[in-house]
Amino acid sequence: ELNAFCMPGGKIMFYSGLINQLKLTD
C-alpha cells in the first residue's frame, strides 16, 4: 500500500510500499 499518516499527538505510520515502490530518497 502506498500510504503514510501522522495521527494527532505524533503517531506516525509509514507503509513500506510507499518508500520502496516509489524509490523515495531520504
mmCIF file of all heavy atoms, coordinates in Angstrom:
data_MODEL
# 
_entry.id   MODEL 
# 
loop_
_atom_site.group_PDB 
_atom_site.id 
_atom_site.type_symbol 
_atom_site.label_atom_id 
_atom_site.label_alt_id 
_atom_site.label_comp_id 
_atom_site.label_asym_id 
_atom_site.label_entity_id 
_atom_site.label_seq_id 
_atom_site.pdbx_PDB_ins_code 
_atom_site.Cartn_x 
_atom_site.Cartn_y 
_atom_site.Cartn_z 
_atom_site.occupancy 
_atom_site.B_iso_or_equiv 
_atom_site.pdbx_formal_charge 
_atom_site.auth_seq_id 
_atom_site.auth_comp_id 
_atom_site.auth_asym_id 
_atom_site.auth_atom_id 
_atom_site.pdbx_PDB_model_num 
ATOM 1   N N   . GLU A 1 1  ? 0.833  -1.206 0.000  1.00 0.00 ? 1  GLU A N   1 
ATOM 2   C CA  . GLU A 1 1  ? 0.000  0.000  0.000  1.00 0.00 ? 1  GLU A CA  1 
ATOM 3   C C   . GLU A 1 1  ? 0.864  1.252  0.000  1.00 0.00 ? 1  GLU A C   1 
ATOM 4   O O   . GLU A 1 1  ? 1.858  1.338  0.726  1.00 0.00 ? 1  GLU A O   1 
ATOM 5   C CB  . GLU A 1 1  ? -0.908 -0.013 1.236  1.00 0.00 ? 1  GLU A CB  1 
ATOM 6   C CG  . GLU A 1 1  ? -1.953 1.074  1.275  1.00 0.00 ? 1  GLU A CG  1 
ATOM 7   C CD  . GLU A 1 1  ? -2.888 0.923  2.464  1.00 0.00 ? 1  GLU A CD  1 
ATOM 8   O OE1 . GLU A 1 1  ? -2.875 -0.149 3.090  1.00 0.00 ? 1  GLU A OE1 1 
ATOM 9   O OE2 . GLU A 1 1  ? -3.607 1.891  2.755  1.00 0.00 ? 1  GLU A OE2 1 
ATOM 10  N N   . LEU A 1 2  ? 0.493  2.219  -0.818 1.00 0.00 ? 2  LEU A N   1 
ATOM 11  C CA  . LEU A 1 2  ? 1.206  3.497  -0.863 1.00 0.00 ? 2  LEU A CA  1 
ATOM 12  C C   . LEU A 1 2  ? 0.540  4.441  0.119  1.00 0.00 ? 2  LEU A C   1 
ATOM 13  O O   . LEU A 1 2  ? -0.385 5.177  -0.225 1.00 0.00 ? 2  LEU A O   1 
ATOM 14  C CB  . LEU A 1 2  ? 1.175  4.084  -2.288 1.00 0.00 ? 2  LEU A CB  1 
ATOM 15  C CG  . LEU A 1 2  ? 1.670  3.190  -3.424 1.00 0.00 ? 2  LEU A CG  1 
ATOM 16  C CD1 . LEU A 1 2  ? 1.668  3.949  -4.738 1.00 0.00 ? 2  LEU A CD1 1 
ATOM 17  C CD2 . LEU A 1 2  ? 3.053  2.630  -3.125 1.00 0.00 ? 2  LEU A CD2 1 
ATOM 18  N N   . ASN A 1 3  ? 1.030  4.422  1.355  1.00 0.00 ? 3  ASN A N   1 
ATOM 19  C CA  . ASN A 1 3  ? 0.324  5.173  2.392  1.00 0.00 ? 3  ASN A CA  1 
ATOM 20  C C   . ASN A 1 3  ? 1.285  5.621  3.483  1.00 0.00 ? 3  ASN A C   1 
ATOM 21  O O   . ASN A 1 3  ? 2.345  5.018  3.697  1.00 0.00 ? 3  ASN A O   1 
ATOM 22  C CB  . ASN A 1 3  ? -0.787 4.311  3.000  1.00 0.00 ? 3  ASN A CB  1 
ATOM 23  C CG  . ASN A 1 3  ? -1.815 5.134  3.759  1.00 0.00 ? 3  ASN A CG  1 
ATOM 24  O OD1 . ASN A 1 3  ? -1.796 6.361  3.704  1.00 0.00 ? 3  ASN A OD1 1 
ATOM 25  N ND2 . ASN A 1 3  ? -2.706 4.466  4.464  1.00 0.00 ? 3  ASN A ND2 1 
ATOM 26  N N   . ALA A 1 4  ? 0.919  6.694  4.150  1.00 0.00 ? 4  ALA A N   1 
ATOM 27  C CA  . ALA A 1 4  ? 1.626  7.202  5.321  1.00 0.00 ? 4  ALA A CA  1 
ATOM 28  C C   . ALA A 1 4  ? 0.696  8.186  6.001  1.00 0.00 ? 4  ALA A C   1 
ATOM 29  O O   . ALA A 1 4  ? -0.131 8.817  5.348  1.00 0.00 ? 4  ALA A O   1 
ATOM 30  C CB  . ALA A 1 4  ? 2.937  7.895  4.934  1.00 0.00 ? 4  ALA A CB  1 
ATOM 31  N N   . PHE A 1 5  ? 0.812  8.305  7.326  1.00 0.00 ? 5  PHE A N   1 
ATOM 32  C CA  . PHE A 1 5  ? 0.000  9.294  8.030  1.00 0.00 ? 5  PHE A CA  1 
ATOM 33  C C   . PHE A 1 5  ? 0.620  9.589  9.388  1.00 0.00 ? 5  PHE A C   1 
ATOM 34  O O   . PHE A 1 5  ? 1.484  8.852  9.878  1.00 0.00 ? 5  PHE A O   1 
ATOM 35  C CB  . PHE A 1 5  ? -1.454 8.815  8.200  1.00 0.00 ? 5  PHE A CB  1 
ATOM 36  C CG  . PHE A 1 5  ? -1.606 7.489  8.903  1.00 0.00 ? 5  PHE A CG  1 
ATOM 37  C CD1 . PHE A 1 5  ? -1.580 7.403  10.287 1.00 0.00 ? 5  PHE A CD1 1 
ATOM 38  C CD2 . PHE A 1 5  ? -1.790 6.332  8.175  1.00 0.00 ? 5  PHE A CD2 1 
ATOM 39  C CE1 . PHE A 1 5  ? -1.722 6.189  10.929 1.00 0.00 ? 5  PHE A CE1 1 
ATOM 40  C CE2 . PHE A 1 5  ? -1.935 5.102  8.798  1.00 0.00 ? 5  PHE A CE2 1 
ATOM 41  C CZ  . PHE A 1 5  ? -1.894 5.026  10.188 1.00 0.00 ? 5  PHE A CZ  1 
ATOM 42  N N   . CYS A 1 6  ? 0.183  10.691 9.975  1.00 0.00 ? 6  CYS A N   1 
ATOM 43  C CA  . CYS A 1 6  ? 0.558  11.055 11.338 1.00 0.00 ? 6  CYS A CA  1 
ATOM 44  C C   . CYS A 1 6  ? -0.721 11.377 12.088 1.00 0.00 ? 6  CYS A C   1 
ATOM 45  O O   . CYS A 1 6  ? -1.431 12.321 11.737 1.00 0.00 ? 6  CYS A O   1 
ATOM 46  C CB  . CYS A 1 6  ? 1.511  12.247 11.360 1.00 0.00 ? 6  CYS A CB  1 
ATOM 47  S SG  . CYS A 1 6  ? 1.981  12.771 13.033 1.00 0.00 ? 6  CYS A SG  1 
ATOM 48  N N   . MET A 1 7  ? -1.032 10.593 13.090 1.00 0.00 ? 7  MET A N   1 
ATOM 49  C CA  . MET A 1 7  ? -2.235 10.815 13.885 1.00 0.00 ? 7  MET A CA  1 
ATOM 50  C C   . MET A 1 7  ? -2.018 11.962 14.875 1.00 0.00 ? 7  MET A C   1 
ATOM 51  O O   . MET A 1 7  ? -0.881 12.349 15.156 1.00 0.00 ? 7  MET A O   1 
ATOM 52  C CB  . MET A 1 7  ? -2.594 9.544  14.652 1.00 0.00 ? 7  MET A CB  1 
ATOM 53  C CG  . MET A 1 7  ? -3.178 8.435  13.802 1.00 0.00 ? 7  MET A CG  1 
ATOM 54  S SD  . MET A 1 7  ? -3.722 7.066  14.858 1.00 0.00 ? 7  MET A SD  1 
ATOM 55  C CE  . MET A 1 7  ? -4.465 5.990  13.637 1.00 0.00 ? 7  MET A CE  1 
ATOM 56  N N   . PRO A 1 8  ? -3.101 12.520 15.419 1.00 0.00 ? 8  PRO A N   1 
ATOM 57  C CA  . PRO A 1 8  ? -2.969 13.542 16.450 1.00 0.00 ? 8  PRO A CA  1 
ATOM 58  C C   . PRO A 1 8  ? -2.069 13.064 17.586 1.00 0.00 ? 8  PRO A C   1 
ATOM 59  O O   . PRO A 1 8  ? -2.132 11.899 17.994 1.00 0.00 ? 8  PRO A O   1 
ATOM 60  C CB  . PRO A 1 8  ? -4.419 13.723 16.933 1.00 0.00 ? 8  PRO A CB  1 
ATOM 61  C CG  . PRO A 1 8  ? -5.250 13.380 15.742 1.00 0.00 ? 8  PRO A CG  1 
ATOM 62  C CD  . PRO A 1 8  ? -4.517 12.260 15.060 1.00 0.00 ? 8  PRO A CD  1 
ATOM 63  N N   . GLY A 1 9  ? -1.205 13.944 18.063 1.00 0.00 ? 9  GLY A N   1 
ATOM 64  C CA  . GLY A 1 9  ? -0.301 13.595 19.144 1.00 0.00 ? 9  GLY A CA  1 
ATOM 65  C C   . GLY A 1 9  ? 1.020  13.008 18.695 1.00 0.00 ? 9  GLY A C   1 
ATOM 66  O O   . GLY A 1 9  ? 1.859  12.651 19.518 1.00 0.00 ? 9  GLY A O   1 
ATOM 67  N N   . GLY A 1 10 ? 1.244  12.883 17.367 1.00 0.00 ? 10 GLY A N   1 
ATOM 68  C CA  . GLY A 1 10 ? 2.541  12.461 16.873 1.00 0.00 ? 10 GLY A CA  1 
ATOM 69  C C   . GLY A 1 10 ? 2.711  10.979 16.623 1.00 0.00 ? 10 GLY A C   1 
ATOM 70  O O   . GLY A 1 10 ? 3.829  10.454 16.705 1.00 0.00 ? 10 GLY A O   1 
ATOM 71  N N   . LYS A 1 11 ? 1.632  10.269 16.290 1.00 0.00 ? 11 LYS A N   1 
ATOM 72  C CA  . LYS A 1 11 ? 1.706  8.833  15.998 1.00 0.00 ? 11 LYS A CA  1 
ATOM 73  C C   . LYS A 1 11 ? 1.865  8.651  14.489 1.00 0.00 ? 11 LYS A C   1 
ATOM 74  O O   . LYS A 1 11 ? 0.911  8.810  13.728 1.00 0.00 ? 11 LYS A O   1 
ATOM 75  C CB  . LYS A 1 11 ? 0.454  8.115  16.487 1.00 0.00 ? 11 LYS A CB  1 
ATOM 76  C CG  . LYS A 1 11 ? 0.138  8.353  17.959 1.00 0.00 ? 11 LYS A CG  1 
ATOM 77  C CD  . LYS A 1 11 ? 1.256  7.853  18.864 1.00 0.00 ? 11 LYS A CD  1 
ATOM 78  C CE  . LYS A 1 11 ? 0.873  8.023  20.318 1.00 0.00 ? 11 LYS A CE  1 
ATOM 79  N NZ  . LYS A 1 11 ? 1.978  7.638  21.228 1.00 0.00 ? 11 LYS A NZ  1 
ATOM 80  N N   . ILE A 1 12 ? 3.088  8.314  14.056 1.00 0.00 ? 12 ILE A N   1 
ATOM 81  C CA  . ILE A 1 12 ? 3.422  8.242  12.633 1.00 0.00 ? 12 ILE A CA  1 
ATOM 82  C C   . ILE A 1 12 ? 3.459  6.790  12.167 1.00 0.00 ? 12 ILE A C   1 
ATOM 83  O O   . ILE A 1 12 ? 4.000  5.919  12.859 1.00 0.00 ? 12 ILE A O   1 
ATOM 84  C CB  . ILE A 1 12 ? 4.788  8.904  12.371 1.00 0.00 ? 12 ILE A CB  1 
ATOM 85  C CG1 . ILE A 1 12 ? 4.746  10.389 12.765 1.00 0.00 ? 12 ILE A CG1 1 
ATOM 86  C CG2 . ILE A 1 12 ? 5.212  8.738  10.918 1.00 0.00 ? 12 ILE A CG2 1 
ATOM 87  C CD1 . ILE A 1 12 ? 6.107  11.060 12.740 1.00 0.00 ? 12 ILE A CD1 1 
ATOM 88  N N   . MET A 1 13 ? 2.892  6.553  10.996 1.00 0.00 ? 13 MET A N   1 
ATOM 89  C CA  . MET A 1 13 ? 2.961  5.231  10.384 1.00 0.00 ? 13 MET A CA  1 
ATOM 90  C C   . MET A 1 13 ? 3.312  5.381  8.905  1.00 0.00 ? 13 MET A C   1 
ATOM 91  O O   . MET A 1 13 ? 2.673  6.155  8.187  1.00 0.00 ? 13 MET A O   1 
ATOM 92  C CB  . MET A 1 13 ? 1.639  4.486  10.527 1.00 0.00 ? 13 MET A CB  1 
ATOM 93  C CG  . MET A 1 13 ? 1.701  3.033  10.069 1.00 0.00 ? 13 MET A CG  1 
ATOM 94  S SD  . MET A 1 13 ? 2.730  1.993  11.159 1.00 0.00 ? 13 MET A SD  1 
ATOM 95  C CE  . MET A 1 13 ? 1.617  1.799  12.576 1.00 0.00 ? 13 MET A CE  1 
ATOM 96  N N   . PHE A 1 14 ? 4.330  4.672  8.476  1.00 0.00 ? 14 PHE A N   1 
ATOM 97  C CA  . PHE A 1 14 ? 4.687  4.589  7.057  1.00 0.00 ? 14 PHE A CA  1 
ATOM 98  C C   . PHE A 1 14 ? 4.432  3.166  6.582  1.00 0.00 ? 14 PHE A C   1 
ATOM 99  O O   . PHE A 1 14 ? 4.628  2.205  7.326  1.00 0.00 ? 14 PHE A O   1 
ATOM 100 C CB  . PHE A 1 14 ? 6.163  4.940  6.838  1.00 0.00 ? 14 PHE A CB  1 
ATOM 101 C CG  . PHE A 1 14 ? 6.404  6.374  6.462  1.00 0.00 ? 14 PHE A CG  1 
ATOM 102 C CD1 . PHE A 1 14 ? 6.276  7.382  7.403  1.00 0.00 ? 14 PHE A CD1 1 
ATOM 103 C CD2 . PHE A 1 14 ? 6.753  6.718  5.169  1.00 0.00 ? 14 PHE A CD2 1 
ATOM 104 C CE1 . PHE A 1 14 ? 6.492  8.700  7.062  1.00 0.00 ? 14 PHE A CE1 1 
ATOM 105 C CE2 . PHE A 1 14 ? 6.979  8.047  4.817  1.00 0.00 ? 14 PHE A CE2 1 
ATOM 106 C CZ  . PHE A 1 14 ? 6.841  9.045  5.765  1.00 0.00 ? 14 PHE A CZ  1 
ATOM 107 N N   . TYR A 1 15 ? 4.004  3.042  5.338  1.00 0.00 ? 15 TYR A N   1 
ATOM 108 C CA  . TYR A 1 15 ? 3.851  1.736  4.706  1.00 0.00 ? 15 TYR A CA  1 
ATOM 109 C C   . TYR A 1 15 ? 5.040  1.554  3.766  1.00 0.00 ? 15 TYR A C   1 
ATOM 110 O O   . TYR A 1 15 ? 5.389  2.462  3.004  1.00 0.00 ? 15 TYR A O   1 
ATOM 111 C CB  . TYR A 1 15 ? 2.535  1.665  3.941  1.00 0.00 ? 15 TYR A CB  1 
ATOM 112 C CG  . TYR A 1 15 ? 1.318  1.607  4.848  1.00 0.00 ? 15 TYR A CG  1 
ATOM 113 C CD1 . TYR A 1 15 ? 0.983  2.669  5.677  1.00 0.00 ? 15 TYR A CD1 1 
ATOM 114 C CD2 . TYR A 1 15 ? 0.504  0.473  4.869  1.00 0.00 ? 15 TYR A CD2 1 
ATOM 115 C CE1 . TYR A 1 15 ? -0.123 2.616  6.515  1.00 0.00 ? 15 TYR A CE1 1 
ATOM 116 C CE2 . TYR A 1 15 ? -0.613 0.406  5.696  1.00 0.00 ? 15 TYR A CE2 1 
ATOM 117 C CZ  . TYR A 1 15 ? -0.926 1.475  6.520  1.00 0.00 ? 15 TYR A CZ  1 
ATOM 118 O OH  . TYR A 1 15 ? -2.013 1.428  7.343  1.00 0.00 ? 15 TYR A OH  1 
ATOM 119 N N   . SER A 1 16 ? 5.635  0.373  3.813  1.00 0.00 ? 16 SER A N   1 
ATOM 120 C CA  . SER A 1 16 ? 6.872  0.150  3.055  1.00 0.00 ? 16 SER A CA  1 
ATOM 121 C C   . SER A 1 16 ? 6.678  0.343  1.557  1.00 0.00 ? 16 SER A C   1 
ATOM 122 O O   . SER A 1 16 ? 7.605  0.767  0.858  1.00 0.00 ? 16 SER A O   1 
ATOM 123 C CB  . SER A 1 16 ? 7.404  -1.257 3.329  1.00 0.00 ? 16 SER A CB  1 
ATOM 124 O OG  . SER A 1 16 ? 6.462  -2.251 2.917  1.00 0.00 ? 16 SER A OG  1 
ATOM 125 N N   . GLY A 1 17 ? 5.482  0.065  1.062  1.00 0.00 ? 17 GLY A N   1 
ATOM 126 C CA  . GLY A 1 17 ? 5.230  0.210  -0.367 1.00 0.00 ? 17 GLY A CA  1 
ATOM 127 C C   . GLY A 1 17 ? 5.444  1.619  -0.870 1.00 0.00 ? 17 GLY A C   1 
ATOM 128 O O   . GLY A 1 17 ? 5.904  1.826  -2.006 1.00 0.00 ? 17 GLY A O   1 
ATOM 129 N N   . LEU A 1 18 ? 5.123  2.599  -0.048 1.00 0.00 ? 18 LEU A N   1 
ATOM 130 C CA  . LEU A 1 18 ? 5.289  3.994  -0.450 1.00 0.00 ? 18 LEU A CA  1 
ATOM 131 C C   . LEU A 1 18 ? 6.757  4.298  -0.717 1.00 0.00 ? 18 LEU A C   1 
ATOM 132 O O   . LEU A 1 18 ? 7.101  4.970  -1.693 1.00 0.00 ? 18 LEU A O   1 
ATOM 133 C CB  . LEU A 1 18 ? 4.741  4.920  0.641  1.00 0.00 ? 18 LEU A CB  1 
ATOM 134 C CG  . LEU A 1 18 ? 4.862  6.419  0.369  1.00 0.00 ? 18 LEU A CG  1 
ATOM 135 C CD1 . LEU A 1 18 ? 3.990  6.824  -0.812 1.00 0.00 ? 18 LEU A CD1 1 
ATOM 136 C CD2 . LEU A 1 18 ? 4.478  7.227  1.607  1.00 0.00 ? 18 LEU A CD2 1 
ATOM 137 N N   . ILE A 1 19 ? 7.619  3.789  0.154  1.00 0.00 ? 19 ILE A N   1 
ATOM 138 C CA  . ILE A 1 19 ? 9.051  4.060  0.031  1.00 0.00 ? 19 ILE A CA  1 
ATOM 139 C C   . ILE A 1 19 ? 9.688  3.204  -1.055 1.00 0.00 ? 19 ILE A C   1 
ATOM 140 O O   . ILE A 1 19 ? 10.445 3.699  -1.898 1.00 0.00 ? 19 ILE A O   1 
ATOM 141 C CB  . ILE A 1 19 ? 9.752  3.816  1.379  1.00 0.00 ? 19 ILE A CB  1 
ATOM 142 C CG1 . ILE A 1 19 ? 9.170  4.763  2.453  1.00 0.00 ? 19 ILE A CG1 1 
ATOM 143 C CG2 . ILE A 1 19 ? 11.265 3.998  1.250  1.00 0.00 ? 19 ILE A CG2 1 
ATOM 144 C CD1 . ILE A 1 19 ? 9.661  4.462  3.851  1.00 0.00 ? 19 ILE A CD1 1 
ATOM 145 N N   . ASN A 1 20 ? 9.365  1.932  -1.040 1.00 0.00 ? 20 ASN A N   1 
ATOM 146 C CA  . ASN A 1 20 ? 10.035 1.000  -1.951 1.00 0.00 ? 20 ASN A CA  1 
ATOM 147 C C   . ASN A 1 20 ? 9.553  1.119  -3.395 1.00 0.00 ? 20 ASN A C   1 
ATOM 148 O O   . ASN A 1 20 ? 10.363 1.134  -4.328 1.00 0.00 ? 20 ASN A O   1 
ATOM 149 C CB  . ASN A 1 20 ? 9.835  -0.432 -1.458 1.00 0.00 ? 20 ASN A CB  1 
ATOM 150 C CG  . ASN A 1 20 ? 10.512 -0.681 -0.122 1.00 0.00 ? 20 ASN A CG  1 
ATOM 151 O OD1 . ASN A 1 20 ? 11.499 -0.023 0.209  1.00 0.00 ? 20 ASN A OD1 1 
ATOM 152 N ND2 . ASN A 1 20 ? 9.992  -1.613 0.658  1.00 0.00 ? 20 ASN A ND2 1 
ATOM 153 N N   . GLN A 1 21 ? 8.245  1.203  -3.585 1.00 0.00 ? 21 GLN A N   1 
ATOM 154 C CA  . GLN A 1 21 ? 7.726  1.241  -4.950 1.00 0.00 ? 21 GLN A CA  1 
ATOM 155 C C   . GLN A 1 21 ? 8.028  2.559  -5.645 1.00 0.00 ? 21 GLN A C   1 
ATOM 156 O O   . GLN A 1 21 ? 8.269  2.593  -6.851 1.00 0.00 ? 21 GLN A O   1 
ATOM 157 C CB  . GLN A 1 21 ? 6.223  0.972  -4.944 1.00 0.00 ? 21 GLN A CB  1 
ATOM 158 C CG  . GLN A 1 21 ? 5.865  -0.440 -4.523 1.00 0.00 ? 21 GLN A CG  1 
ATOM 159 C CD  . GLN A 1 21 ? 4.394  -0.727 -4.665 1.00 0.00 ? 21 GLN A CD  1 
ATOM 160 O OE1 . GLN A 1 21 ? 3.774  -0.360 -5.665 1.00 0.00 ? 21 GLN A OE1 1 
ATOM 161 N NE2 . GLN A 1 21 ? 3.819  -1.384 -3.664 1.00 0.00 ? 21 GLN A NE2 1 
ATOM 162 N N   . LEU A 1 22 ? 8.014  3.661  -4.870 1.00 0.00 ? 22 LEU A N   1 
ATOM 163 C CA  . LEU A 1 22 ? 8.334  4.958  -5.470 1.00 0.00 ? 22 LEU A CA  1 
ATOM 164 C C   . LEU A 1 22 ? 9.820  5.289  -5.356 1.00 0.00 ? 22 LEU A C   1 
ATOM 165 O O   . LEU A 1 22 ? 10.248 6.345  -5.804 1.00 0.00 ? 22 LEU A O   1 
ATOM 166 C CB  . LEU A 1 22 ? 7.501  6.060  -4.808 1.00 0.00 ? 22 LEU A CB  1 
ATOM 167 C CG  . LEU A 1 22 ? 5.983  5.938  -4.949 1.00 0.00 ? 22 LEU A CG  1 
ATOM 168 C CD1 . LEU A 1 22 ? 5.296  7.176  -4.390 1.00 0.00 ? 22 LEU A CD1 1 
ATOM 169 C CD2 . LEU A 1 22 ? 5.576  5.716  -6.398 1.00 0.00 ? 22 LEU A CD2 1 
ATOM 170 N N   . LYS A 1 23 ? 10.560 4.377  -4.725 1.00 0.00 ? 23 LYS A N   1 
ATOM 171 C CA  . LYS A 1 23 ? 12.019 4.552  -4.577 1.00 0.00 ? 23 LYS A CA  1 
ATOM 172 C C   . LYS A 1 23 ? 12.352 5.933  -4.001 1.00 0.00 ? 23 LYS A C   1 
ATOM 173 O O   . LYS A 1 23 ? 13.134 6.702  -4.571 1.00 0.00 ? 23 LYS A O   1 
ATOM 174 C CB  . LYS A 1 23 ? 12.726 4.338  -5.924 1.00 0.00 ? 23 LYS A CB  1 
ATOM 175 C CG  . LYS A 1 23 ? 12.576 2.924  -6.474 1.00 0.00 ? 23 LYS A CG  1 
ATOM 176 C CD  . LYS A 1 23 ? 13.294 2.766  -7.814 1.00 0.00 ? 23 LYS A CD  1 
ATOM 177 C CE  . LYS A 1 23 ? 13.295 1.316  -8.285 1.00 0.00 ? 23 LYS A CE  1 
ATOM 178 N NZ  . LYS A 1 23 ? 11.940 0.740  -8.425 1.00 0.00 ? 23 LYS A NZ  1 
ATOM 179 N N   . LEU A 1 24 ? 11.747 6.226  -2.862 1.00 0.00 ? 24 LEU A N   1 
ATOM 180 C CA  . LEU A 1 24 ? 11.916 7.538  -2.239 1.00 0.00 ? 24 LEU A CA  1 
ATOM 181 C C   . LEU A 1 24 ? 13.299 7.691  -1.630 1.00 0.00 ? 24 LEU A C   1 
ATOM 182 O O   . LEU A 1 24 ? 13.821 6.789  -0.975 1.00 0.00 ? 24 LEU A O   1 
ATOM 183 C CB  . LEU A 1 24 ? 10.865 7.749  -1.148 1.00 0.00 ? 24 LEU A CB  1 
ATOM 184 C CG  . LEU A 1 24 ? 9.393  7.738  -1.567 1.00 0.00 ? 24 LEU A CG  1 
ATOM 185 C CD1 . LEU A 1 24 ? 8.513  8.126  -0.395 1.00 0.00 ? 24 LEU A CD1 1 
ATOM 186 C CD2 . LEU A 1 24 ? 9.139  8.658  -2.759 1.00 0.00 ? 24 LEU A CD2 1 
ATOM 187 N N   . THR A 1 25 ? 13.885 8.858  -1.829 1.00 0.00 ? 25 THR A N   1 
ATOM 188 C CA  . THR A 1 25 ? 15.119 9.227  -1.147 1.00 0.00 ? 25 THR A CA  1 
ATOM 189 C C   . THR A 1 25 ? 14.780 9.681  0.271  1.00 0.00 ? 25 THR A C   1 
ATOM 190 O O   . THR A 1 25 ? 13.615 9.892  0.618  1.00 0.00 ? 25 THR A O   1 
ATOM 191 C CB  . THR A 1 25 ? 15.820 10.372 -1.884 1.00 0.00 ? 25 THR A CB  1 
ATOM 192 O OG1 . THR A 1 25 ? 14.979 11.548 -1.804 1.00 0.00 ? 25 THR A OG1 1 
ATOM 193 C CG2 . THR A 1 25 ? 16.057 10.023 -3.349 1.00 0.00 ? 25 THR A CG2 1 
ATOM 194 N N   . ASP A 1 26 ? 15.815 9.851  1.098  1.00 0.00 ? 26 ASP A N   1 
ATOM 195 C CA  . ASP A 1 26 ? 15.576 10.363 2.449  1.00 0.00 ? 26 ASP A CA  1 
ATOM 196 C C   . ASP A 1 26 ? 14.903 11.733 2.396  1.00 0.00 ? 26 ASP A C   1 
ATOM 197 O O   . ASP A 1 26 ? 14.029 12.046 3.212  1.00 0.00 ? 26 ASP A O   1 
ATOM 198 C CB  . ASP A 1 26 ? 16.885 10.462 3.218  1.00 0.00 ? 26 ASP A CB  1 
ATOM 199 C CG  . ASP A 1 26 ? 17.389 9.107  3.702  1.00 0.00 ? 26 ASP A CG  1 
ATOM 200 O OD1 . ASP A 1 26 ? 16.722 8.084  3.415  1.00 0.00 ? 26 ASP A OD1 1 
ATOM 201 O OD2 . ASP A 1 26 ? 18.445 9.067  4.358  1.00 0.00 ? 26 ASP A OD2 1 
# 
